[in-house]
PDB file of N, CA and C in Angstrom:
ATOM      1  N   UNK A   1      50.470 -16.899  18.442  1.00  0.00           N
ATOM      2  CA  UNK A   1      51.162 -15.615  17.730  1.00  0.00           C
ATOM      3  C   UNK A   1      51.823 -14.444  18.164  1.00  0.00           C
ATOM      4  N   UNK A   2      52.704 -13.936  18.915  1.00  0.00           N
ATOM      5  CA  UNK A   2      53.219 -12.661  19.796  1.00  0.00           C
ATOM      6  C   UNK A   2      53.213 -11.936  18.587  1.00  0.00           C
ATOM      7  N   UNK A   3      52.245 -10.683  19.449  1.00  0.00           N
ATOM      8  CA  UNK A   3      52.105  -8.739  18.756  1.00  0.00           C
ATOM      9  C   UNK A   3      53.571  -8.692  18.652  1.00  0.00           C
ATOM     10  N   UNK A   4      53.286  -8.060  17.504  1.00  0.00           N
ATOM     11  CA  UNK A   4      54.905  -7.192  17.608  1.00  0.00           C
ATOM     12  C   UNK A   4      54.320  -5.614  17.477  1.00  0.00           C
ATOM     13  N   UNK A   5      54.858  -4.918  18.091  1.00  0.00           N
ATOM     14  CA  UNK A   5      54.484  -3.597  17.753  1.00  0.00           C
ATOM     15  C   UNK A   5      54.778  -3.133  16.454  1.00  0.00           C
ATOM     16  N   UNK A   6      53.597  -1.843  15.958  1.00  0.00           N
ATOM     17  CA  UNK A   6      53.834  -1.434  14.847  1.00  0.00           C
ATOM     18  C   UNK A   6      53.992   0.066  14.951  1.00  0.00           C
ATOM     19  N   UNK A   7      55.021  -0.195  15.458  1.00  0.00           N
ATOM     20  CA  UNK A   7      55.942   1.279  15.306  1.00  0.00           C
ATOM     21  C   UNK A   7      56.376   2.086  14.061  1.00  0.00           C
ATOM     22  N   UNK A   8      56.843   0.962  13.234  1.00  0.00           N
ATOM     23  CA  UNK A   8      57.983   0.695  12.303  1.00  0.00           C
ATOM     24  C   UNK A   8      57.355   0.750  11.268  1.00  0.00           C
ATOM     25  N   UNK A   9      55.990   0.159  11.023  1.00  0.00           N
ATOM     26  CA  UNK A   9      55.507   0.390  10.149  1.00  0.00           C
ATOM     27  C   UNK A   9      54.618   1.145   9.378  1.00  0.00           C
ATOM     28  N   UNK A  10      54.951   2.640  10.099  1.00  0.00           N
ATOM     29  CA  UNK A  10      54.946   3.715   9.375  1.00  0.00           C
ATOM     30  C   UNK A  10      53.748   4.235   9.078  1.00  0.00           C
ATOM     31  N   UNK A  11      52.976   4.603   8.397  1.00  0.00           N
ATOM     32  CA  UNK A  11      50.949   4.883   8.524  1.00  0.00           C
ATOM     33  C   UNK A  11      50.607   3.955   7.030  1.00  0.00           C
ATOM     34  N   UNK A  12      51.208   2.682   7.731  1.00  0.00           N
ATOM     35  CA  UNK A  12      49.905   1.754   6.746  1.00  0.00           C
ATOM     36  C   UNK A  12      48.208   1.919   7.120  1.00  0.00           C
ATOM     37  N   UNK A  13      47.851   0.788   6.240  1.00  0.00           N
ATOM     38  CA  UNK A  13      46.550   0.896   6.513  1.00  0.00           C
ATOM     39  C   UNK A  13      46.148  -0.146   7.909  1.00  0.00           C
ATOM     40  N   UNK A  14      47.024  -1.558   7.633  1.00  0.00           N
ATOM     41  CA  UNK A  14      46.681  -1.930   9.189  1.00  0.00           C
ATOM     42  C   UNK A  14      47.087  -1.127  10.172  1.00  0.00           C
ATOM     43  N   UNK A  15      47.872   0.181  10.071  1.00  0.00           N
ATOM     44  CA  UNK A  15      48.029   1.423  11.332  1.00  0.00           C
ATOM     45  C   UNK A  15      46.784   1.653  11.874  1.00  0.00           C
ATOM     46  N   UNK A  16      47.006   2.044  10.558  1.00  0.00           N
ATOM     47  CA  UNK A  16      45.043   3.083  10.426  1.00  0.00           C
ATOM     48  C   UNK A  16      44.361   2.118  11.729  1.00  0.00           C
ATOM     49  N   UNK A  17      44.189   1.295  10.732  1.00  0.00           N
ATOM     50  CA  UNK A  17      43.231  -0.441  11.733  1.00  0.00           C
ATOM     51  C   UNK A  17      42.651   0.020  12.932  1.00  0.00           C
ATOM     52  N   UNK A  18      44.472  -0.282  13.155  1.00  0.00           N
ATOM     53  CA  UNK A  18      43.923  -0.871  14.546  1.00  0.00           C
ATOM     54  C   UNK A  18      44.126   0.393  15.603  1.00  0.00           C
ATOM     55  N   UNK A  19      43.935   1.967  15.496  1.00  0.00           N
ATOM     56  CA  UNK A  19      44.396   2.672  15.509  1.00  0.00           C
ATOM     57  C   UNK A  19      43.341   3.897  15.771  1.00  0.00           C
ATOM     58  N   UNK A  20      42.769   3.398  14.732  1.00  0.00           N
ATOM     59  CA  UNK A  20      41.536   3.777  14.453  1.00  0.00           C
ATOM     60  C   UNK A  20      39.724   2.124  15.542  1.00  0.00           C
ATOM     61  N   UNK A  21      40.370   1.129  15.441  1.00  0.00           N
ATOM     62  CA  UNK A  21      40.298   0.233  16.686  1.00  0.00           C
ATOM     63  C   UNK A  21      39.724   0.772  18.144  1.00  0.00           C
ATOM     64  N   UNK A  22      41.568   1.155  18.548  1.00  0.00           N
ATOM     65  CA  UNK A  22      41.367   1.013  19.970  1.00  0.00           C
ATOM     66  C   UNK A  22      40.830   2.584  19.900  1.00  0.00           C
ATOM     67  N   UNK A  23      40.441   3.532  19.226  1.00  0.00           N
ATOM     68  CA  UNK A  23      39.889   4.797  19.810  1.00  0.00           C
ATOM     69  C   UNK A  23      38.350   4.544  19.875  1.00  0.00           C
ATOM     70  N   UNK A  24      37.999   3.503  19.110  1.00  0.00           N
ATOM     71  CA  UNK A  24      36.463   2.956  18.795  1.00  0.00           C
ATOM     72  C   UNK A  24      36.343   2.300  20.546  1.00  0.00           C
ATOM     73  N   UNK A  25      37.632   1.822  21.126  1.00  0.00           N
ATOM     74  CA  UNK A  25      37.448   1.114  22.631  1.00  0.00           C
ATOM     75  C   UNK A  25      36.835   2.506  23.197  1.00  0.00           C
ATOM     76  N   UNK A  26      37.784   3.201  23.394  1.00  0.00           N
ATOM     77  CA  UNK A  26      38.189   4.387  24.231  1.00  0.00           C
ATOM     78  C   UNK A  26      37.076   5.155  24.265  1.00  0.00           C
ATOM     79  N   UNK A  27      36.658   5.575  23.329  1.00  0.00           N
ATOM     80  CA  UNK A  27      34.859   6.737  22.824  1.00  0.00           C
ATOM     81  C   UNK A  27      33.626   5.761  23.648  1.00  0.00           C
ATOM     82  N   UNK A  28      33.010   6.596  24.328  1.00  0.00           N
ATOM     83  CA  UNK A  28      31.570   6.191  24.734  1.00  0.00           C
ATOM     84  C   UNK A  28      30.558   5.434  23.190  1.00  0.00           C
ATOM     85  N   UNK A  29      29.785   3.986  23.396  1.00  0.00           N
ATOM     86  CA  UNK A  29      29.174   3.909  22.606  1.00  0.00           C
ATOM     87  C   UNK A  29      28.315   4.350  22.287  1.00  0.00           C
ATOM     88  N   UNK A  30      27.840   4.512  20.784  1.00  0.00           N
ATOM     89  CA  UNK A  30      27.266   5.748  20.395  1.00  0.00           C
ATOM     90  C   UNK A  30      25.362   5.734  21.688  1.00  0.00           C
ATOM     91  N   UNK A  31      24.464   6.049  21.191  1.00  0.00           N
ATOM     92  CA  UNK A  31      22.994   5.904  21.944  1.00  0.00           C
ATOM     93  C   UNK A  31      22.281   5.102  20.994  1.00  0.00           C
ATOM     94  N   UNK A  32      21.787   4.466  20.662  1.00  0.00           N
ATOM     95  CA  UNK A  32      20.916   3.085  19.802  1.00  0.00           C
ATOM     96  C   UNK A  32      20.351   2.861  20.397  1.00  0.00           C
ATOM     97  N   UNK A  33      19.080   2.691  19.230  1.00  0.00           N
ATOM     98  CA  UNK A  33      17.754   1.888  19.791  1.00  0.00           C
ATOM     99  C   UNK A  33      18.038   0.254  20.041  1.00  0.00           C
ATOM    100  N   UNK A  34      18.164  -0.410  21.067  1.00  0.00           N
ATOM    101  CA  UNK A  34      18.320  -1.453  21.551  1.00  0.00           C
ATOM    102  C   UNK A  34      17.873  -2.712  20.816  1.00  0.00           C
ATOM    103  N   UNK A  35      17.510  -2.756  19.152  1.00  0.00           N
ATOM    104  CA  UNK A  35      17.952  -3.777  18.038  1.00  0.00           C
ATOM    105  C   UNK A  35      18.141  -3.615  17.351  1.00  0.00           C
ATOM    106  N   UNK A  36      19.689  -2.568  17.046  1.00  0.00           N
ATOM    107  CA  UNK A  36      20.644  -2.000  16.190  1.00  0.00           C
ATOM    108  C   UNK A  36      21.310  -3.028  15.787  1.00  0.00           C
ATOM    109  N   UNK A  37      22.197  -3.429  16.714  1.00  0.00           N
ATOM    110  CA  UNK A  37      23.152  -5.159  16.988  1.00  0.00           C
ATOM    111  C   UNK A  37      22.072  -5.795  15.929  1.00  0.00           C
ATOM    112  N   UNK A  38      21.015  -6.499  16.191  1.00  0.00           N
ATOM    113  CA  UNK A  38      20.421  -7.082  15.816  1.00  0.00           C
ATOM    114  C   UNK A  38      19.844  -7.429  14.447  1.00  0.00           C
ATOM    115  N   UNK A  39      20.478  -8.526  14.048  1.00  0.00           N
ATOM    116  CA  UNK A  39      19.905  -9.313  12.064  1.00  0.00           C
ATOM    117  C   UNK A  39      18.935  -9.216  11.791  1.00  0.00           C
ATOM    118  N   UNK A  40      18.085  -8.657  11.487  1.00  0.00           N
ATOM    119  CA  UNK A  40      16.217  -9.072  11.065  1.00  0.00           C
ATOM    120  C   UNK A  40      15.952 -10.955  10.840  1.00  0.00           C
ATOM    121  N   UNK A  41      15.628 -11.551  11.510  1.00  0.00           N
ATOM    122  CA  UNK A  41      14.953 -13.176  11.116  1.00  0.00           C
ATOM    123  C   UNK A  41      13.830 -12.939  10.321  1.00  0.00           C
ATOM    124  N   UNK A  42      13.767 -13.770   9.672  1.00  0.00           N
ATOM    125  CA  UNK A  42      12.828 -13.900   8.190  1.00  0.00           C
ATOM    126  C   UNK A  42      11.569 -14.370   9.086  1.00  0.00           C
ATOM    127  N   UNK A  43      10.534 -14.065   9.317  1.00  0.00           N
ATOM    128  CA  UNK A  43       9.562 -14.669   9.248  1.00  0.00           C
ATOM    129  C   UNK A  43       8.227 -14.757   8.237  1.00  0.00           C
ATOM    130  N   UNK A  44       7.290 -15.804   8.484  1.00  0.00           N
ATOM    131  CA  UNK A  44       6.060 -16.330   7.431  1.00  0.00           C
ATOM    132  C   UNK A  44       4.991 -16.018   8.489  1.00  0.00           C
ATOM    133  N   UNK A  45       4.055 -15.980   7.207  1.00  0.00           N
ATOM    134  CA  UNK A  45       2.387 -16.236   7.715  1.00  0.00           C
ATOM    135  C   UNK A  45       1.503 -16.757   6.532  1.00  0.00           C
ATOM    136  N   UNK A  46       0.589 -17.538   7.481  1.00  0.00           N
ATOM    137  CA  UNK A  46      -0.327 -17.438   6.643  1.00  0.00           C
ATOM    138  C   UNK A  46      -1.867 -17.005   6.472  1.00  0.00           C
ATOM    139  N   UNK A  47      -1.450 -16.187   5.062  1.00  0.00           N
ATOM    140  CA  UNK A  47      -3.031 -15.082   5.488  1.00  0.00           C
ATOM    141  C   UNK A  47      -4.015 -15.736   4.473  1.00  0.00           C
ATOM    142  N   UNK A  48      -5.450 -15.030   4.646  1.00  0.00           N
ATOM    143  CA  UNK A  48      -6.957 -15.875   3.952  1.00  0.00           C
ATOM    144  C   UNK A  48      -6.074 -14.523   2.806  1.00  0.00           C
ATOM    145  N   UNK A  49      -6.730 -14.789   1.783  1.00  0.00           N
ATOM    146  CA  UNK A  49      -7.133 -14.024   0.952  1.00  0.00           C
ATOM    147  C   UNK A  49      -7.900 -12.828   1.296  1.00  0.00           C
ATOM    148  N   UNK A  50      -8.443 -12.581   2.210  1.00  0.00           N
ATOM    149  CA  UNK A  50      -9.034 -11.391   2.607  1.00  0.00           C
ATOM    150  C   UNK A  50      -8.061 -11.006   3.349  1.00  0.00           C
ATOM    151  N   UNK A  51      -7.259 -11.740   3.807  1.00  0.00           N
ATOM    152  CA  UNK A  51      -6.705 -10.501   5.291  1.00  0.00           C
ATOM    153  C   UNK A  51      -5.446 -10.038   4.354  1.00  0.00           C
ATOM    154  N   UNK A  52      -4.700 -10.718   3.286  1.00  0.00           N
ATOM    155  CA  UNK A  52      -4.395 -10.048   2.514  1.00  0.00           C
ATOM    156  C   UNK A  52      -5.093  -8.780   1.700  1.00  0.00           C
ATOM    157  N   UNK A  53      -6.012  -9.275   0.932  1.00  0.00           N
ATOM    158  CA  UNK A  53      -6.696  -7.964   0.649  1.00  0.00           C
ATOM    159  C   UNK A  53      -6.481  -6.092   1.711  1.00  0.00           C
ATOM    160  N   UNK A  54      -6.605  -6.864   3.086  1.00  0.00           N
ATOM    161  CA  UNK A  54      -6.981  -5.713   4.166  1.00  0.00           C
ATOM    162  C   UNK A  54      -5.580  -4.680   3.909  1.00  0.00           C
ATOM    163  N   UNK A  55      -4.131  -5.780   3.839  1.00  0.00           N
ATOM    164  CA  UNK A  55      -2.690  -5.099   4.384  1.00  0.00           C
ATOM    165  C   UNK A  55      -2.420  -4.888   3.037  1.00  0.00           C
ATOM    166  N   UNK A  56      -3.139  -5.024   1.352  1.00  0.00           N
ATOM    167  CA  UNK A  56      -2.537  -4.586   0.265  1.00  0.00           C
ATOM    168  C   UNK A  56      -3.477  -3.070   0.918  1.00  0.00           C
ATOM    169  N   UNK A  57      -5.052  -2.835   0.610  1.00  0.00           N
ATOM    170  CA  UNK A  57      -5.840  -1.677   0.768  1.00  0.00           C
ATOM    171  C   UNK A  57      -4.934  -0.976   2.248  1.00  0.00           C
ATOM    172  N   UNK A  58      -5.229  -1.052   3.555  1.00  0.00           N
ATOM    173  CA  UNK A  58      -4.260  -0.644   4.309  1.00  0.00           C
ATOM    174  C   UNK A  58      -3.234   0.307   3.676  1.00  0.00           C
ATOM    175  N   UNK A  59      -1.791  -0.299   3.118  1.00  0.00           N
ATOM    176  CA  UNK A  59      -0.570  -0.016   2.228  1.00  0.00           C
ATOM    177  C   UNK A  59      -0.559   0.732   0.933  1.00  0.00           C
ATOM    178  N   UNK A  60      -1.918   1.132   0.959  1.00  0.00           N
ATOM    179  CA  UNK A  60      -2.207   1.935   0.160  1.00  0.00           C
ATOM    180  C   UNK A  60      -2.647   2.622   0.237  1.00  0.00           C
ATOM    181  N   UNK A  61      -3.527   3.472   1.426  1.00  0.00           N
ATOM    182  CA  UNK A  61      -3.696   4.295   1.980  1.00  0.00           C
ATOM    183  C   UNK A  61      -2.940   4.755   2.450  1.00  0.00           C
ATOM    184  N   UNK A  62      -1.886   4.417   3.867  1.00  0.00           N
ATOM    185  CA  UNK A  62      -1.065   4.675   4.196  1.00  0.00           C
ATOM    186  C   UNK A  62       0.716   5.334   2.980  1.00  0.00           C
ATOM    187  N   UNK A  63       0.588   4.656   2.416  1.00  0.00           N
ATOM    188  CA  UNK A  63       1.184   5.348   0.984  1.00  0.00           C
ATOM    189  C   UNK A  63       0.480   6.597   0.479  1.00  0.00           C
ATOM    190  N   UNK A  64      -0.670   6.841   0.234  1.00  0.00           N
ATOM    191  CA  UNK A  64      -1.392   8.078  -0.011  1.00  0.00           C
ATOM    192  C   UNK A  64      -1.317   8.868   0.702  1.00  0.00           C
ATOM    193  N   UNK A  65      -0.881   8.318   2.210  1.00  0.00           N
ATOM    194  CA  UNK A  65      -1.311   9.371   3.325  1.00  0.00           C
ATOM    195  C   UNK A  65      -0.150  10.117   3.683  1.00  0.00           C
ATOM    196  N   UNK A  66       1.493   9.169   3.324  1.00  0.00           N
ATOM    197  CA  UNK A  66       2.334   9.274   3.440  1.00  0.00           C
ATOM    198  C   UNK A  66       3.005  10.040   2.642  1.00  0.00           C
ATOM    199  N   UNK A  67       2.558  10.872   0.867  1.00  0.00           N
ATOM    200  CA  UNK A  67       3.123  10.971  -0.471  1.00  0.00           C
ATOM    201  C   UNK A  67       4.032  10.067  -0.942  1.00  0.00           C
ATOM    202  N   UNK A  68       4.016   9.145  -0.778  1.00  0.00           N
ATOM    203  CA  UNK A  68       5.341   8.033  -0.669  1.00  0.00           C
ATOM    204  C   UNK A  68       5.231   6.622  -0.670  1.00  0.00           C
ATOM    205  N   UNK A  69       5.743   5.849  -1.654  1.00  0.00           N
ATOM    206  CA  UNK A  69       5.466   4.719  -1.519  1.00  0.00           C
ATOM    207  C   UNK A  69       5.207   3.998   0.106  1.00  0.00           C
ATOM    208  N   UNK A  70       5.306   2.828   1.013  1.00  0.00           N
ATOM    209  CA  UNK A  70       5.351   2.092   1.945  1.00  0.00           C
ATOM    210  C   UNK A  70       5.161   0.720   1.953  1.00  0.00           C
ATOM    211  N   UNK A  71       6.167  -0.018   2.193  1.00  0.00           N
ATOM    212  CA  UNK A  71       6.100  -1.339   2.154  1.00  0.00           C
ATOM    213  C   UNK A  71       5.082  -2.050   3.170  1.00  0.00           C
ATOM    214  N   UNK A  72       4.762  -3.157   2.609  1.00  0.00           N
ATOM    215  CA  UNK A  72       3.974  -3.746   3.392  1.00  0.00           C
ATOM    216  C   UNK A  72       4.471  -4.261   4.634  1.00  0.00           C
ATOM    217  N   UNK A  73       5.939  -3.914   4.961  1.00  0.00           N
ATOM    218  CA  UNK A  73       6.759  -4.593   5.361  1.00  0.00           C
ATOM    219  C   UNK A  73       7.127  -3.484   7.022  1.00  0.00           C
ATOM    220  N   UNK A  74       7.204  -2.048   6.248  1.00  0.00           N
ATOM    221  CA  UNK A  74       7.041  -1.123   7.298  1.00  0.00           C
ATOM    222  C   UNK A  74       5.470  -0.935   8.007  1.00  0.00           C
ATOM    223  N   UNK A  75       4.400  -1.654   6.656  1.00  0.00           N
ATOM    224  CA  UNK A  75       2.955  -1.340   7.158  1.00  0.00           C
ATOM    225  C   UNK A  75       3.099  -1.790   9.202  1.00  0.00           C
ATOM    226  N   UNK A  76       3.621  -3.112   8.836  1.00  0.00           N
ATOM    227  CA  UNK A  76       3.126  -4.554   9.481  1.00  0.00           C
ATOM    228  C   UNK A  76       3.864  -3.884  11.012  1.00  0.00           C
ATOM    229  N   UNK A  77       5.725  -3.340  10.648  1.00  0.00           N
ATOM    230  CA  UNK A  77       6.417  -2.762  12.202  1.00  0.00           C
ATOM    231  C   UNK A  77       5.487  -1.596  12.822  1.00  0.00           C
ATOM    232  N   UNK A  78       4.606  -0.343  11.737  1.00  0.00           N
ATOM    233  CA  UNK A  78       4.242   0.178  12.639  1.00  0.00           C
ATOM    234  C   UNK A  78       2.813  -0.079  12.962  1.00  0.00           C
ATOM    235  N   UNK A  79       2.192  -1.298  12.768  1.00  0.00           N
ATOM    236  CA  UNK A  79       1.179  -2.164  13.396  1.00  0.00           C
ATOM    237  C   UNK A  79       1.508  -2.547  14.592  1.00  0.00           C
ATOM    238  N   UNK A  80       2.691  -2.734  14.487  1.00  0.00           N
ATOM    239  CA  UNK A  80       3.401  -3.947  16.481  1.00  0.00           C
ATOM    240  C   UNK A  80       3.174  -2.874  16.612  1.00  0.00           C
ATOM    241  N   UNK A  81       3.691  -1.703  16.229  1.00  0.00           N
ATOM    242  CA  UNK A  81       4.280  -0.693  17.322  1.00  0.00           C
ATOM    243  C   UNK A  81       3.157   0.357  18.377  1.00  0.00           C
ATOM    244  N   UNK A  82       1.876  -0.021  16.931  1.00  0.00           N
ATOM    245  CA  UNK A  82       0.496   0.382  17.624  1.00  0.00           C
ATOM    246  C   UNK A  82       0.357  -0.568  18.668  1.00  0.00           C
ATOM    247  N   UNK A  83       0.416  -1.504  18.070  1.00  0.00           N
ATOM    248  CA  UNK A  83      -0.422  -3.030  19.231  1.00  0.00           C
ATOM    249  C   UNK A  83       0.374  -3.287  20.563  1.00  0.00           C
ATOM    250  N   UNK A  84       1.525  -2.721  20.867  1.00  0.00           N
ATOM    251  CA  UNK A  84       2.281  -2.807  21.843  1.00  0.00           C
ATOM    252  C   UNK A  84       1.559  -1.808  22.331  1.00  0.00           C
ATOM    253  N   UNK A  85       1.308  -0.074  22.120  1.00  0.00           N
ATOM    254  CA  UNK A  85       1.002   0.293  22.975  1.00  0.00           C
ATOM    255  C   UNK A  85      -0.725   0.985  22.777  1.00  0.00           C
ATOM    256  N   UNK A  86      -1.588  -0.357  22.529  1.00  0.00           N
ATOM    257  CA  UNK A  86      -2.878  -0.244  22.298  1.00  0.00           C
ATOM    258  C   UNK A  86      -3.302  -1.863  23.724  1.00  0.00           C
ATOM    259  N   UNK A  87      -4.268  -1.317  24.475  1.00  0.00           N
ATOM    260  CA  UNK A  87      -4.976  -2.169  25.356  1.00  0.00           C
ATOM    261  C   UNK A  87      -5.189  -3.556  24.911  1.00  0.00           C
ATOM    262  N   UNK A  88      -4.618  -4.920  25.097  1.00  0.00           N
ATOM    263  CA  UNK A  88      -4.844  -5.690  25.410  1.00  0.00           C
ATOM    264  C   UNK A  88      -6.056  -6.385  24.566  1.00  0.00           C
ATOM    265  N   UNK A  89      -7.454  -5.690  25.400  1.00  0.00           N
ATOM    266  CA  UNK A  89      -8.166  -6.315  25.586  1.00  0.00           C
ATOM    267  C   UNK A  89      -9.102  -6.144  23.983  1.00  0.00           C
ATOM    268  N   UNK A  90      -8.679  -4.428  23.824  1.00  0.00           N
ATOM    269  CA  UNK A  90      -9.251  -4.033  22.102  1.00  0.00           C
ATOM    270  C   UNK A  90      -8.505  -4.845  21.007  1.00  0.00           C
ATOM    271  N   UNK A  91      -7.474  -5.590  21.458  1.00  0.00           N
ATOM    272  CA  UNK A  91      -6.779  -6.430  20.737  1.00  0.00           C
ATOM    273  C   UNK A  91      -7.592  -7.415  20.630  1.00  0.00           C
ATOM    274  N   UNK A  92      -7.231  -8.080  21.829  1.00  0.00           N
ATOM    275  CA  UNK A  92      -8.605  -9.862  21.695  1.00  0.00           C
ATOM    276  C   UNK A  92      -9.501  -9.691  20.468  1.00  0.00           C
ATOM    277  N   UNK A  93      -9.909  -8.205  21.070  1.00  0.00           N
ATOM    278  CA  UNK A  93     -11.412  -7.891  20.414  1.00  0.00           C
ATOM    279  C   UNK A  93     -12.002  -7.891  18.542  1.00  0.00           C
ATOM    280  N   UNK A  94     -10.395  -7.101  18.083  1.00  0.00           N
ATOM    281  CA  UNK A  94     -10.420  -7.765  17.021  1.00  0.00           C
ATOM    282  C   UNK A  94      -9.879  -8.757  16.505  1.00  0.00           C
ATOM    283  N   UNK A  95      -9.348  -9.390  16.794  1.00  0.00           N
ATOM    284  CA  UNK A  95      -8.617 -11.450  16.802  1.00  0.00           C
ATOM    285  C   UNK A  95      -9.844 -11.961  16.663  1.00  0.00           C
ATOM    286  N   UNK A  96     -10.637 -11.581  17.270  1.00  0.00           N
ATOM    287  CA  UNK A  96     -12.022 -12.487  17.337  1.00  0.00           C
ATOM    288  C   UNK A  96     -12.738 -11.948  16.298  1.00  0.00           C
ATOM    289  N   UNK A  97     -12.974 -10.406  16.181  1.00  0.00           N
ATOM    290  CA  UNK A  97     -13.361 -10.627  15.163  1.00  0.00           C
ATOM    291  C   UNK A  97     -13.079 -10.486  13.532  1.00  0.00           C
ATOM    292  N   UNK A  98     -11.611 -11.007  13.202  1.00  0.00           N
ATOM    293  CA  UNK A  98     -10.927 -11.009  12.467  1.00  0.00           C
ATOM    294  C   UNK A  98     -10.613 -12.271  11.654  1.00  0.00           C
ATOM    295  N   UNK A  99     -11.117 -13.277  13.341  1.00  0.00           N
ATOM    296  CA  UNK A  99     -11.087 -14.407  12.656  1.00  0.00           C
ATOM    297  C   UNK A  99     -12.264 -15.406  12.420  1.00  0.00           C
ATOM    298  N   UNK A 100     -13.331 -15.050  13.859  1.00  0.00           N
ATOM    299  CA  UNK A 100     -14.546 -15.344  13.067  1.00  0.00           C
ATOM    300  C   UNK A 100     -15.642 -15.041  12.361  1.00  0.00           C
ATOM    301  N   UNK A 101     -14.615 -13.483  11.013  1.00  0.00           N
ATOM    302  CA  UNK A 101     -16.089 -13.100  10.345  1.00  0.00           C
ATOM    303  C   UNK A 101     -16.061 -13.613   9.427  1.00  0.00           C
ATOM    304  N   UNK A 102     -15.700 -14.608   8.596  1.00  0.00           N
ATOM    305  CA  UNK A 102     -15.900 -15.574   8.118  1.00  0.00           C
ATOM    306  C   UNK A 102     -16.319 -16.919   7.937  1.00  0.00           C
TER     307      UNK A 102
END
């Protein structure tokens, strides 16, 4: 189907939408994080009762410090960010302690 000019359409919703899209294409993209357009993917992990207790107690401590509720998901995201910045040997030592603790 060939595109027709929308000059006779006046100020219809379709004309406004097309104009907004054209303006958006001409403007520079906004600076956003690398994963802004990526939808979160569900992941599931099996945790021992000890790990679950650690997660809950850490979430409670962080929520108290923040003065507002912090979700377990937000806590895990924060821990992942810390893990990105931490030396790999420290992380391996913590993993060894956690796995061979019980």
